[in-house]
Protein backbone atom coordinates (compact mmCIF):
# COMPACT_ATOMS: atom_id res chain seq x y z
CA MET A 1 -21.92 5.00 7.28
CA GLU A 2 -17.88 6.02 7.47
CA ILE A 3 -17.38 9.08 9.67
CA PRO A 4 -14.73 10.75 8.02
CA GLY A 5 -13.57 12.92 11.50
CA VAL A 6 -13.45 9.55 13.02
CA LEU A 7 -10.46 8.51 10.59
CA THR A 8 -8.71 11.68 11.04
CA VAL A 9 -8.77 11.26 14.55
CA GLN A 10 -7.17 7.93 14.39
CA ARG A 11 -4.40 8.82 11.99
CA ALA A 12 -3.53 11.73 14.56
CA ALA A 13 -3.47 9.16 17.24
CA LEU A 14 -1.32 7.06 15.04
CA LEU A 15 1.31 9.94 14.60
CA ALA A 16 0.57 11.27 18.21
CA ALA A 17 1.79 7.81 19.64
CA PHE A 18 4.73 8.15 17.41
CA VAL A 19 5.69 11.12 18.74
CA LEU A 20 5.40 10.53 22.05
CA ALA A 21 7.23 7.23 21.85
CA LEU A 22 10.09 9.06 20.30
CA VAL A 23 10.13 11.60 22.85
CA VAL A 24 9.87 9.29 26.19
CA VAL A 25 13.01 6.83 24.19
CA PHE A 26 15.13 10.30 23.50
CA PHE A 27 14.63 12.14 27.27
CA THR A 28 15.50 7.91 28.76
CA ASP A 29 18.80 7.44 26.58
CA ARG A 30 19.66 11.71 26.79
CA PRO A 31 22.53 11.02 23.99
CA ALA A 32 23.46 14.17 24.72
CA GLY A 33 24.64 14.69 20.74
CA ARG A 34 26.04 11.12 20.74
CA TRP A 35 23.40 10.16 17.49
CA GLY A 36 24.35 13.11 15.88
CA THR A 37 27.80 12.99 16.21
CA ALA A 38 27.97 9.38 14.80
CA LEU A 39 26.08 9.96 11.85
CA ARG A 40 28.67 13.17 11.18
CA ARG A 41 31.69 10.98 11.74
CA ARG A 42 30.85 9.01 8.29
CA PHE A 43 27.95 11.65 6.77
CA VAL A 44 28.29 14.90 5.30
CA LEU A 45 26.22 17.01 7.74
CA GLY A 46 25.80 14.06 9.31
CA VAL A 47 22.79 13.15 6.52
CA PRO A 48 23.18 10.08 3.60
CA TRP A 49 22.92 12.13 0.48
CA GLY A 50 23.13 9.85 -1.83
CA SER A 51 20.57 7.49 -0.42
CA LEU A 52 17.96 10.74 -0.32
CA ILE A 53 19.18 11.62 -3.53
CA THR A 54 18.31 7.65 -5.14
CA LEU A 55 15.06 8.29 -3.24
CA VAL A 56 13.59 11.88 -4.83
CA GLY A 57 15.15 10.31 -8.45
CA VAL A 58 13.20 6.63 -8.26
CA LEU A 59 9.89 8.91 -7.03
CA ALA A 60 10.52 11.70 -10.21
CA VAL A 61 10.81 9.15 -12.96
CA TYR A 62 7.32 7.50 -11.23
CA LEU A 63 5.64 10.80 -11.59
CA PHE A 64 7.33 12.97 -14.64
CA VAL A 65 8.27 9.14 -16.74
CA GLN A 66 5.38 6.88 -16.16
CA GLY A 67 3.06 10.11 -15.79
CA GLY A 68 2.13 9.32 -12.27
CA LEU A 69 1.59 13.17 -11.14
CA HIS A 70 -1.41 12.57 -13.15
CA HIS A 71 -2.70 9.49 -13.21
CA TRP A 72 -0.66 8.38 -9.46
CA ASN A 73 -2.62 4.95 -9.78
CA ARG A 74 -2.52 4.00 -13.29
CA PRO A 75 1.39 4.79 -14.34
CA LEU A 76 2.56 3.88 -17.89
CA THR A 77 4.03 0.53 -17.28
CA ILE A 78 4.62 -1.22 -21.33
CA PRO A 79 7.39 0.99 -22.68
CA PHE A 80 9.26 1.30 -19.59
CA ARG A 81 10.09 -2.64 -19.17
CA ALA A 82 13.49 -3.69 -20.10
CA TRP A 83 12.09 -5.76 -23.41
CA SER A 84 15.37 -5.98 -25.24
CA TYR A 85 18.88 -4.50 -25.96
CA PHE A 86 17.73 -3.27 -28.89
CA TYR A 87 15.18 -1.02 -26.89
CA PRO A 88 17.38 1.34 -24.72
CA LEU A 89 15.04 3.22 -23.76
CA GLY A 90 13.21 0.21 -21.50
CA VAL A 91 16.74 -0.89 -20.31
CA VAL A 92 17.77 2.13 -18.60
CA THR A 93 13.85 2.72 -17.11
CA ALA A 94 13.52 -0.18 -16.18
CA ALA A 95 15.21 -0.58 -12.65
CA PHE A 96 13.76 2.45 -11.66
CA SER A 97 9.71 2.51 -13.06
CA HIS A 98 7.28 0.87 -11.05
CA ASN A 99 3.85 -0.88 -11.36
CA GLY A 100 1.85 1.24 -9.21
CA PRO A 101 1.97 3.01 -5.89
CA GLY A 102 2.15 -0.02 -3.82
CA HIS A 103 4.82 -1.35 -5.48
CA LEU A 104 6.80 1.87 -5.86
CA ILE A 105 6.18 2.74 -1.88
CA GLY A 106 7.11 -0.76 -1.06
CA ASN A 107 10.49 -0.23 -2.62
CA LEU A 108 11.02 3.59 -1.56
CA THR A 109 10.81 2.13 1.86
CA ALA A 110 12.88 -0.57 1.56
CA THR A 111 15.40 1.85 -0.07
CA ALA A 112 15.03 4.01 2.94
CA MET A 113 16.12 1.46 5.37
CA PHE A 114 18.64 -0.63 3.65
CA ALA A 115 20.64 2.65 1.64
CA PRO A 116 22.14 4.35 4.54
CA VAL A 117 23.04 0.94 6.23
CA ALA A 118 25.37 0.64 3.04
CA GLU A 119 26.26 4.55 2.73
CA TYR A 120 27.53 4.16 6.16
CA ALA A 121 29.42 1.26 5.89
CA TRP A 122 31.55 3.16 2.98
CA GLY A 123 30.89 6.73 4.10
CA HIS A 124 31.85 10.23 3.20
CA PHE A 125 34.63 10.48 4.88
CA PRO A 126 38.03 7.50 5.09
CA ARG A 127 38.29 5.69 8.44
CA GLU A 128 41.44 5.43 9.03
CA ARG A 129 42.82 8.38 11.61
CA GLY A 130 45.16 10.68 10.07
CA SER A 131 43.93 10.67 6.37
CA THR A 132 43.04 13.13 4.50
CA SER A 133 39.11 14.00 2.81
CA PHE A 134 40.41 16.38 0.15
CA GLY A 135 43.43 14.97 -1.23
CA SER A 136 41.87 13.83 -4.31
CA TRP A 137 38.42 13.54 -6.02
CA ARG A 138 38.05 9.77 -4.77
CA THR A 139 38.19 11.33 -1.07
CA ASN A 140 36.32 14.03 -1.47
CA PRO A 141 33.12 13.90 0.90
CA TYR A 142 31.05 16.05 -1.34
CA VAL A 143 32.18 14.03 -4.54
CA ARG A 144 31.85 10.76 -3.03
CA ALA A 145 28.01 11.67 -1.30
CA PHE A 146 26.36 13.80 -4.16
CA LEU A 147 28.23 12.10 -7.08
CA ILE A 148 29.87 8.53 -6.90
CA VAL A 149 26.79 7.23 -4.76
CA PRO A 150 24.40 7.84 -7.30
CA LEU A 151 26.62 6.68 -9.82
CA VAL A 152 27.28 3.49 -8.25
CA VAL A 153 23.57 2.87 -7.29
CA PHE A 154 22.63 4.19 -11.42
CA VAL A 155 24.94 1.68 -12.88
CA ALA A 156 23.93 -1.07 -10.64
CA ALA A 157 20.09 -0.50 -11.01
CA ILE A 158 21.12 -0.76 -14.76
CA LEU A 159 22.92 -3.65 -14.58
CA THR A 160 20.17 -5.82 -12.77
CA ALA A 161 17.68 -4.54 -15.26
CA ALA A 162 20.30 -5.72 -18.48
CA PHE A 163 21.26 -9.10 -16.94
CA ALA A 164 17.81 -10.32 -15.86
CA LEU A 165 15.46 -12.65 -17.29
CA GLY A 166 12.53 -11.04 -18.96
CA PRO A 167 11.23 -8.37 -18.72
CA ILE A 168 11.58 -6.68 -15.58
CA ILE A 169 10.49 -3.67 -14.14
CA GLY A 170 10.84 -2.18 -10.54
CA PHE A 171 14.00 -0.97 -8.39
CA SER A 172 14.15 -4.02 -6.47
CA GLY A 173 17.12 -5.16 -8.13
CA ALA A 174 18.75 -2.28 -6.61
CA VAL A 175 17.32 -2.14 -3.21
CA PHE A 176 18.47 -5.97 -2.76
CA ALA A 177 22.15 -4.80 -4.38
CA PHE A 178 22.01 -2.00 -1.10
CA ALA A 179 21.19 -5.12 1.19
CA GLY A 180 24.06 -7.24 -0.26
CA PHE A 181 26.28 -4.69 0.54
CA ALA A 182 24.75 -3.92 3.84
CA LEU A 183 24.87 -7.10 4.97
CA VAL A 184 28.60 -8.33 4.50
CA ASN A 185 29.34 -5.14 6.46
CA TYR A 186 26.47 -4.82 9.22
CA PRO A 187 24.51 -8.66 8.89
CA LEU A 188 22.53 -8.23 12.01
CA VAL A 189 21.61 -4.44 11.57
CA THR A 190 20.62 -5.25 8.02
CA VAL A 191 18.09 -7.66 9.63
CA ILE A 192 16.75 -5.00 11.72
CA ALA A 193 16.77 -2.81 8.82
CA LEU A 194 14.30 -5.68 7.29
CA VAL A 195 12.13 -5.18 9.78
CA GLY A 196 11.96 -1.84 10.00
CA SER A 197 11.13 -1.47 6.05
CA ARG A 198 7.80 -4.50 7.11
CA ALA A 199 7.23 -1.77 10.37
CA THR A 200 7.49 1.29 7.94
CA ARG A 201 4.66 -0.65 5.66
CA VAL A 202 2.35 -1.20 8.28
CA VAL A 203 2.53 2.07 9.75
CA TYR A 204 1.64 3.93 6.11
CA ASN A 205 -1.16 1.45 5.63
CA ALA A 206 -2.35 2.18 8.75
CA LEU A 207 -2.11 5.95 7.72
CA GLN A 208 -3.62 5.43 4.19
CA THR A 209 -6.57 3.61 5.61
CA PRO A 210 -6.69 3.20 9.15
CA GLN A 211 -9.69 1.48 9.73
CA LEU A 212 -10.34 -1.55 6.76
CA THR A 213 -14.05 -3.26 7.19
CA ALA A 214 -13.46 -6.90 4.49
CA SER A 215 -15.63 -9.68 4.01
CA GLY A 216 -15.54 -12.63 1.70
CA HIS A 217 -15.25 -12.14 -2.02
CA PRO A 218 -14.57 -13.62 -5.13
CA ALA A 219 -11.28 -12.98 -5.94
CA TYR A 220 -8.31 -13.81 -9.11
CA ILE A 221 -5.66 -14.45 -7.70
CA THR A 222 -2.32 -15.70 -9.10
CA PRO A 223 0.62 -17.48 -6.72
CA TRP A 224 2.23 -14.57 -4.47
CA TRP A 225 5.53 -16.04 -5.84
CA ALA A 226 4.91 -16.05 -9.70
CA ASP A 227 5.01 -12.60 -9.12
CA ILE A 228 8.88 -11.90 -7.73
CA ALA A 229 11.53 -11.01 -10.10
CA ILE A 230 14.09 -14.18 -8.67
CA GLN A 231 16.72 -13.54 -10.83
CA GLY A 232 16.91 -9.56 -10.43
CA HIS A 233 16.70 -9.68 -7.04
CA ALA A 234 19.83 -12.33 -6.87
CA LEU A 235 21.81 -10.65 -9.10
CA GLY A 236 21.30 -7.50 -7.29
CA LEU A 237 22.52 -9.31 -4.17
CA PHE A 238 25.36 -10.24 -5.30
CA ILE A 239 26.43 -7.15 -6.68
CA GLY A 240 26.20 -5.52 -3.15
CA VAL A 241 27.90 -8.31 -1.54
CA PHE A 242 30.70 -7.95 -4.21
CA LEU A 243 31.11 -4.03 -3.70
CA GLY A 244 30.84 -4.95 -0.01
CA LEU A 245 33.86 -6.88 -0.57
CA VAL A 246 35.53 -4.62 -1.52
CA VAL A 247 34.79 -2.13 1.82
CA VAL A 248 35.33 -5.14 4.69
CA ARG A 249 38.13 -6.93 2.70
CA ASN A 250 39.62 -3.52 3.30
CA ARG A 251 39.64 -3.44 7.18
CA PRO A 252 41.30 -5.38 9.93
CA SER A 253 40.26 -9.36 10.17
CA ALA A 254 38.91 -8.04 13.83
CA GLU A 255 36.80 -5.90 12.28
CA ARG A 256 35.17 -8.45 9.92
CA PRO A 257 31.79 -9.70 11.13
CA SER A 258 31.89 -13.14 12.55
CA ALA A 259 30.92 -15.92 10.06
CA LEU A 260 28.16 -17.18 12.17
CA LYS A 261 26.66 -13.29 12.25
CA LEU A 262 27.17 -13.20 8.46
CA TRP A 263 25.76 -16.77 7.37
CA THR A 264 22.72 -15.66 10.06
CA GLY A 265 22.23 -12.18 8.42
CA VAL A 266 22.28 -13.47 5.05
CA LEU A 267 19.74 -16.54 5.84
CA LEU A 268 17.38 -14.80 7.32
CA PHE A 269 17.45 -11.83 4.87
CA GLY A 270 17.18 -14.66 1.82
CA ILE A 271 14.07 -16.81 3.22
CA GLN A 272 12.30 -13.27 4.46
CA GLN A 273 12.76 -12.25 1.00
CA SER A 274 11.58 -14.70 -0.29
CA MET A 275 14.97 -15.81 -2.47
CA TRP A 276 13.75 -19.22 -2.09
CA ALA A 277 11.05 -18.80 -4.70
CA VAL A 278 12.16 -20.42 -7.78
CA TYR A 279 10.00 -21.17 -10.36
CA TRP A 280 8.86 -21.59 -13.83
CA PHE A 281 5.37 -21.34 -15.69
CA ARG A 282 4.07 -24.16 -17.71
CA GLY A 283 1.75 -21.94 -20.06
CA GLY A 284 -1.76 -20.15 -19.60
CA GLU A 285 -1.69 -19.85 -15.70
CA THR A 286 0.36 -22.82 -14.08
CA TYR A 287 3.07 -21.97 -12.38
CA VAL A 288 5.65 -24.77 -10.58
CA LEU A 289 7.17 -23.59 -7.59
CA TYR A 290 10.88 -25.28 -6.96
CA ARG A 291 10.72 -24.93 -3.17
CA ALA A 292 13.11 -27.46 -1.52
CA VAL A 293 15.91 -26.41 -4.53
CA GLY A 294 15.19 -22.70 -3.95
CA VAL A 295 15.86 -23.42 0.21
CA ALA A 296 19.06 -25.50 -0.35
CA LEU A 297 20.18 -22.92 -2.69
CA VAL A 298 19.71 -19.76 0.11
CA VAL A 299 21.40 -22.27 2.97
CA THR A 300 24.30 -22.76 0.36
CA VAL A 301 24.98 -18.71 -1.13
CA ALA A 302 24.95 -17.71 2.67
CA VAL A 303 27.65 -20.07 3.51
CA ILE A 304 29.73 -19.03 0.74
CA ILE A 305 29.05 -15.14 1.30
CA ALA A 306 30.11 -15.88 5.09
CA VAL A 307 33.08 -17.84 4.29
CA THR A 308 34.31 -14.92 1.33
CA VAL A 309 34.19 -12.26 3.85
CA VAL A 310 35.84 -13.90 6.60
CA ALA A 311 38.02 -16.42 5.23
CA SER A 312 41.89 -15.47 5.92
CA ASP A 313 44.67 -14.10 2.84
CA ARG A 314 46.50 -17.48 3.05
CA TYR A 315 47.30 -19.14 0.45
CA ILE A 316 45.67 -22.30 -0.48
CA LEU A 317 47.25 -22.74 -4.04
CA ARG A 318 50.58 -21.71 -5.40
CA ASP A 319 52.47 -22.58 -8.36
CA THR A 320 56.13 -23.39 -8.97
CA LEU A 321 56.79 -20.28 -10.93
CA GLY A 322 57.41 -17.73 -8.46
CA GLY A 323 54.26 -17.28 -7.55
CA ALA A 324 52.95 -16.10 -10.25
CA PHE A 325 49.96 -17.46 -9.57
CA ALA A 326 48.22 -18.07 -6.44
CA VAL A 327 45.08 -18.20 -5.03
CA ARG A 328 43.86 -16.82 -1.67
CA ARG A 329 41.26 -18.56 0.74
CA TRP A 330 39.00 -15.62 0.67
CA GLN A 331 39.40 -15.70 -3.55
CA THR A 332 38.14 -18.80 -3.76
CA GLY A 333 35.12 -18.15 -2.20
CA ALA A 334 34.17 -14.82 -4.32
CA ALA A 335 35.40 -16.77 -7.95
CA CYS A 336 32.41 -19.23 -6.30
CA LEU A 337 30.15 -16.76 -6.37
CA ILE A 338 31.01 -15.10 -9.25
CA LEU A 339 30.50 -18.92 -10.70
CA VAL A 340 26.66 -18.44 -9.39
CA ALA A 341 25.85 -15.04 -10.66
CA ALA A 342 27.24 -15.68 -13.59
CA ALA A 343 25.10 -18.62 -14.37
CA ILE A 344 22.04 -16.42 -13.03
CA SER A 345 22.68 -13.69 -15.10
CA GLY A 346 24.10 -15.48 -18.43
CA PRO A 347 20.84 -16.78 -19.68
CA ALA A 348 19.05 -13.49 -20.14
CA VAL A 349 22.23 -12.77 -22.59
CA PRO A 350 20.47 -14.70 -25.59
CA TYR A 351 17.07 -13.52 -24.50
CA ASN A 352 17.73 -10.42 -24.43
CA LEU A 353 19.17 -10.22 -27.61
CA TYR A 354 15.47 -11.42 -29.01
CA THR A 355 13.05 -9.01 -30.17
CA ALA A 356 9.73 -8.83 -31.69
CA THR A 357 9.19 -10.98 -35.03
CA ASP A 358 7.83 -8.97 -37.96
CA GLY A 359 5.34 -11.75 -38.81
CA ASP A 360 0.83 -11.24 -38.52
CA LEU A 361 -0.30 -11.11 -35.37
CA PRO A 362 -2.77 -13.96 -34.07
CA GLY A 363 -6.19 -12.37 -34.47
CA ASP A 364 -7.70 -8.95 -35.67
CA GLU A 365 -5.52 -6.06 -34.20
CA ILE A 366 -5.97 -2.22 -33.43
CA SER A 367 -3.02 -0.11 -34.17
CA VAL A 368 -2.28 2.72 -31.51
CA GLY A 369 0.98 4.78 -32.56
CA ASP A 370 3.37 2.15 -32.79
CA TYR A 371 1.56 -0.67 -30.84
CA GLU A 372 -0.34 -3.36 -32.23
CA VAL A 373 -2.90 -4.61 -29.85
CA THR A 374 -5.11 -7.64 -30.31
CA TYR A 375 -6.78 -11.05 -28.42
CA ALA A 376 -6.11 -14.73 -29.40
CA GLU A 377 -5.83 -17.87 -27.30
CA ASN A 378 -3.28 -21.15 -27.02
CA VAL A 379 -0.75 -18.87 -29.35
CA THR A 380 3.13 -19.69 -28.85
CA ASN A 381 4.43 -17.10 -25.86
CA GLY A 382 6.37 -14.88 -28.18
CA MET A 383 8.21 -13.79 -24.74
CA THR A 384 9.41 -16.83 -23.99
CA ALA A 385 9.86 -18.91 -26.92
CA ALA A 386 12.93 -16.98 -29.20
CA PHE A 387 15.21 -20.09 -27.64
CA GLU A 388 13.16 -23.40 -27.28
CA LEU A 389 14.70 -24.98 -24.02
CA SER A 390 13.66 -28.27 -22.22
CA ALA A 391 14.72 -29.32 -18.40
CA LEU A 392 13.39 -30.83 -15.54
CA GLY A 393 9.90 -31.68 -17.60
CA GLU A 394 9.75 -27.80 -18.72
CA THR A 395 9.83 -25.91 -21.43
CA THR A 396 10.30 -22.42 -22.90
CA ALA A 397 8.02 -23.10 -25.65
CA VAL A 398 4.78 -22.52 -24.08
CA LYS A 399 1.47 -21.45 -25.07
CA THR A 400 -0.78 -18.08 -23.75
CA SER A 401 -4.04 -16.45 -24.20
CA GLY A 402 -5.16 -12.98 -23.91
CA VAL A 403 -4.73 -9.82 -24.75
CA ILE A 404 -1.65 -9.24 -26.67
CA VAL A 405 0.47 -6.01 -27.05
CA ARG A 406 3.37 -6.17 -30.07
CA SER A 407 5.86 -2.90 -30.77
CA ARG A 408 8.16 -3.77 -33.60
CA GLU A 409 9.99 -0.68 -33.41
CA ARG A 410 10.38 -1.01 -29.23
CA GLY A 411 10.99 -5.13 -29.62
CA ILE A 412 7.99 -5.56 -27.24
CA TRP A 413 5.82 -9.33 -27.50
CA THR A 414 3.68 -9.99 -24.27
CA THR A 415 0.49 -10.75 -23.09
CA ALA A 416 -0.58 -7.46 -21.42
CA VAL A 417 -4.15 -9.45 -19.79
CA THR A 418 -4.20 -13.10 -19.22
CA ARG A 419 -7.44 -14.99 -20.41
CA GLY A 420 -8.33 -15.93 -17.11
CA ARG A 421 -8.30 -12.10 -15.81
CA LEU A 422 -10.52 -10.42 -18.51
CA ALA A 423 -13.04 -13.82 -17.52
CA PHE A 424 -12.94 -12.71 -13.97
CA ASP A 425 -12.94 -8.86 -14.48
CA GLY A 426 -14.84 -8.46 -17.50
CA GLN A 427 -13.19 -5.49 -18.82
CA THR A 428 -9.56 -4.38 -18.84
CA ALA A 429 -7.91 -1.23 -19.64
CA VAL A 430 -4.41 -1.63 -21.71
CA ARG A 431 -2.01 1.36 -21.21
CA VAL A 432 0.70 1.62 -24.04
CA GLY A 433 2.62 5.19 -25.16
CA GLY A 434 6.08 6.19 -24.84
CA LEU A 435 7.73 9.65 -23.59
CA GLY A 436 5.33 12.10 -23.17
CA TRP A 437 2.46 10.21 -24.86
CA ARG A 438 0.09 7.80 -23.42
CA ASP A 439 -2.95 6.25 -24.82
CA THR A 440 -5.46 3.39 -23.80
CA VAL A 441 -7.28 0.21 -25.50
CA TYR A 442 -10.25 -1.36 -23.40
CA THR A 443 -10.47 -4.96 -23.98
CA VAL A 444 -14.15 -6.01 -23.11
CA ARG A 445 -15.75 -9.49 -22.73
CA ASP A 446 -19.08 -10.89 -22.49
CA GLY A 447 -20.41 -14.27 -23.32
CA TRP A 448 -23.32 -16.68 -22.08
CA VAL A 449 -22.95 -19.61 -19.41
CA THR A 450 -24.62 -22.83 -20.38
CA THR A 451 -26.14 -25.40 -17.37
CA GLN A 452 -23.44 -28.23 -16.75
CA GLY A 453 -21.53 -26.64 -20.15
CA GLY A 454 -18.84 -24.24 -21.26
CA THR A 455 -19.42 -20.55 -21.53
CA ALA A 456 -19.69 -18.80 -25.43
CA TYR A 457 -18.10 -15.35 -25.47
CA ARG A 458 -16.88 -11.98 -27.54
CA VAL A 459 -13.79 -10.46 -26.65
CA PHE A 460 -14.17 -6.22 -28.00
CA LEU A 461 -11.42 -4.08 -28.42
CA SER A 462 -12.20 -0.27 -28.07
CA HIS A 463 -10.22 2.74 -28.76
CA ASN A 464 -11.49 6.06 -29.36
CA ASN A 465 -14.82 5.45 -28.42
CA THR A 466 -15.03 2.47 -31.32
CA ALA A 467 -15.46 -1.32 -30.68
CA ARG A 468 -15.62 -4.26 -32.70
CA VAL A 469 -15.22 -7.92 -32.20
CA VAL A 470 -11.70 -9.32 -32.38
CA HIS A 471 -12.14 -12.81 -31.07
CA THR A 472 -14.97 -15.24 -30.84
CA SER A 473 -15.28 -18.37 -28.97
CA GLU A 474 -16.50 -21.55 -30.08
CA PRO A 475 -19.67 -23.18 -29.55
CA ALA A 476 -21.01 -24.07 -25.89
CA THR A 477 -23.43 -27.06 -25.77
CA ALA A 478 -25.41 -26.67 -22.34
CA GLY A 479 -25.54 -30.41 -20.60
CA PRO A 480 -29.25 -31.18 -20.08
CA VAL A 481 -31.09 -33.22 -23.63
CA ILE A 482 -34.56 -31.78 -23.90
CA GLY A 483 -36.67 -33.76 -26.00
CA GLY A 484 -33.43 -35.47 -27.37
CA ARG A 485 -32.48 -32.08 -28.83
CA ASN A 486 -28.85 -30.47 -27.80
CA ILE A 487 -28.50 -27.24 -27.50
CA SER A 488 -25.74 -24.98 -27.52
CA ILE A 489 -25.16 -21.02 -27.55
CA GLU A 490 -22.70 -19.75 -30.55
CA ALA A 491 -20.39 -16.33 -30.42
CA ALA A 492 -20.59 -13.63 -33.44
CA ALA A 493 -19.19 -10.66 -34.09
CA GLN A 494 -23.26 -9.38 -34.34
CA GLY A 495 -24.16 -11.34 -31.30
CA PHE A 496 -25.32 -14.67 -30.04
CA TYR A 497 -27.37 -17.61 -31.33
CA LEU A 498 -29.17 -20.58 -30.84
CA ARG A 499 -28.67 -23.46 -31.91
CA VAL A 500 -31.10 -26.85 -31.69
CA LYS A 501 -29.65 -30.01 -33.15
CA GLN A 502 -31.22 -33.03 -33.71
CA GLY A 503 -29.39 -36.28 -35.24
CA ASN A 504 -27.94 -34.26 -38.15
CA GLU A 505 -30.23 -31.79 -38.53
CA SER A 506 -30.30 -28.34 -36.99
CA VAL A 507 -31.78 -25.25 -36.73
CA ALA A 508 -30.46 -21.87 -35.52
CA ALA A 509 -31.60 -18.26 -34.40
CA ARG A 510 -30.64 -15.29 -32.66
CA LEU A 511 -30.50 -15.31 -29.02
CA PRO A 512 -33.83 -13.21 -27.49
CA GLU A 513 -33.44 -9.78 -26.17
CA ASN A 514 -34.97 -9.37 -22.07
CA ASN A 515 -38.76 -10.50 -21.87
CA GLN A 516 -38.83 -12.06 -25.53
CA THR A 517 -38.98 -15.67 -26.38
CA VAL A 518 -38.07 -17.43 -29.42
CA THR A 519 -38.88 -21.03 -30.80
CA LEU A 520 -36.78 -23.29 -32.74
CA ASP A 521 -37.59 -27.31 -32.92
CA GLY A 522 -40.55 -27.64 -31.05
CA LEU A 523 -37.90 -25.41 -27.80
CA THR A 524 -39.59 -22.35 -26.53
CA PHE A 525 -36.79 -20.13 -25.02
CA ALA A 526 -37.57 -17.04 -22.95
CA ARG A 527 -34.66 -14.40 -21.73
CA GLU A 528 -35.94 -13.10 -18.39
CA LYS A 529 -33.21 -10.28 -17.58
CA GLN A 530 -29.47 -12.52 -16.69
CA ASN A 531 -31.25 -15.42 -17.27
CA LEU A 532 -32.38 -17.91 -20.33
CA PHE A 533 -34.89 -21.15 -19.84
CA VAL A 534 -36.30 -23.25 -22.34
CA GLU A 535 -40.07 -24.60 -22.17
CA TYR A 536 -41.05 -28.08 -24.06
CA ASP A 537 -44.32 -30.06 -23.08
CA GLU A 538 -44.89 -28.72 -19.86
CA THR A 539 -41.27 -28.49 -18.40
CA ARG A 540 -39.24 -25.53 -17.95
CA VAL A 541 -35.52 -25.46 -16.91
CA LYS A 542 -32.85 -23.10 -16.94
CA ILE A 543 -30.56 -23.43 -20.24
CA ALA A 544 -27.95 -20.67 -19.82
CA LYS A 545 -26.72 -17.50 -17.78
CA ARG A 546 -25.05 -14.11 -18.80
CA GLU A 547 -21.55 -14.43 -17.70
CA GLN A 548 -20.97 -12.13 -14.51
CA TYR A 549 -17.86 -10.20 -13.96
CA GLN A 550 -16.41 -8.89 -10.56
C-alpha cells in the first residue's frame, strides 16, 4: 500500500540534499561576490531577462492557447501544428506548442540551460572597454534584454516551423538555435549545459515520482528515433550557428575557442542529441534508420563549423578586377553551412505549399466544426503524397491506416491514430478545435480473434454521446477445420456473425451472446464470457476469443 507520507519525506529529503550541497559549495568556494559580478557584467541586474521572457511565453502558450491550464495532460495540438503556408495560425503557433507535459518540460528545461549561455555570449552590455551602453537603441541594455532577445527567438522559432518538413510541433527547433549560438562561443560550456539539462529532468522526475514500481507489461512502441523532428532540429542549430558567427567573428582571434574544442563540442552535442537519426517511413508503421549516414553527417558538420569559426580572414580566392570579388577562408566554411541548411530546408517549401484536397474522404466521416474525422485502411497518405518522389528505394507515395482527420479550411490531413495504436488501446480520443474551442471524437474498436487465424473487428466513432460504425474488417477464418467445415467470423455494423462453409455451401448466424449457443450445419457454438467454443461429435475446440486491449 502506498503511504503518502513516505513520498513526502522522500521529496523533502531530495530538496534538503540540494540545499545542503549548494550551501557547502558556496562556503567552500567563498565567491565573495564574484559570481554576481560576472553575471552583472553581461546581464542587466545579473539576470538573463530574454531567456526568462522566452520561458514564460512558451509556458503561456501551453496553458492558455492549447488549453493546458484546464487540461494539463491533454493539450489541444492538431490546430497548432505547421500544416502549410496557407494556414498561418499553425506556422505561428507550432514552434511554441507541445504534445504534452513531458514534451513541454523537456523543452523548457533545455531552454533554461542553453538560452542563458547564448544570451551571456551576446550580452546586454558591449564587450569593448570605453564603449557606451546608451549611445543608441541597439546598444541600450534594456532594449537588448527585453526586446531584441525575445524578438530574435520568436523569428528563429518561426523559421524552424516554416522550413521544417511536415507538421512539426514543439520549441525544440529554437532550443537547438540556442545551442548552436552557444556552441560557437562556448563549446564545452554548452556540453556541460547539455548534461545539466538531462540532470534537471532526472531531478524533476524524482520530485514528481519519488518512488516507482515497475514490472513487465505489454506496450505499443514505435522506434524512439521516429519521433524526432530531425530536420527542425538541424535547421534550428544552423540558425543559431549563423547568429553565433556574427558575434564570435567580431572578437579577436585569441578570444575564439580552438578548433578542437569546437569540433569536440559540436560532435558530442550532435551525437547526444541524436542528430544522426536520419530516417524515413515506408507507410503503415515501418521506419528506416540511416544511422551510418547520419553519424557521418554529424562528424562532417562539426568539422565545417569548427573551421568556419577559427579560420583566418586571409583570402583564398581573388579576382583580377581590383578585389571586387574575393573570398576569405572562413567565408568558404560559412558558404558550406548555408548550402547544407538550404538542402535541409529546401524540400519543405513545396510540401508546405500543399494543402488538404477537396475530394471525398475514404469511409464514413463525422463532422466537428470545420473538421472531418473518419477511419480508413490502406489509403494514400495525404500528408506525404503531395509530390511523389522516390530515392534510395523509398518513396513519398506511402499508404496509411487509422483515424484520419481533415480540415479543408486549415489545410490539415493527418493520421491522428494509427491502426496499430487503436488495436493496442481499443479506444483513443482525438481532440480537434481552434483558438478558444475544443471538442473530442472517440474512436473505439471491438473484435474477435480466431484461433490460428486473423481478427474480425469494427471501428466506431463517437461524438456527443452518439456512436456509429465507420469501418468493418474483412472476415477472419479460423485455422482448425471442424468436420470438413471452415469457420469464419464476419464483422458488420449490427454485430458479429458466424459463417460455416463446406464446399460451395455456407450458412451464417449471429454470434451468440454470453452463456448462449447457436447451431450451424451440425456445429454447435457456445459463448462463455470472452471465449467462443465449437462442439462437434464429442469434440470441443476453442475457435475464437474476444480481442483484448491494454
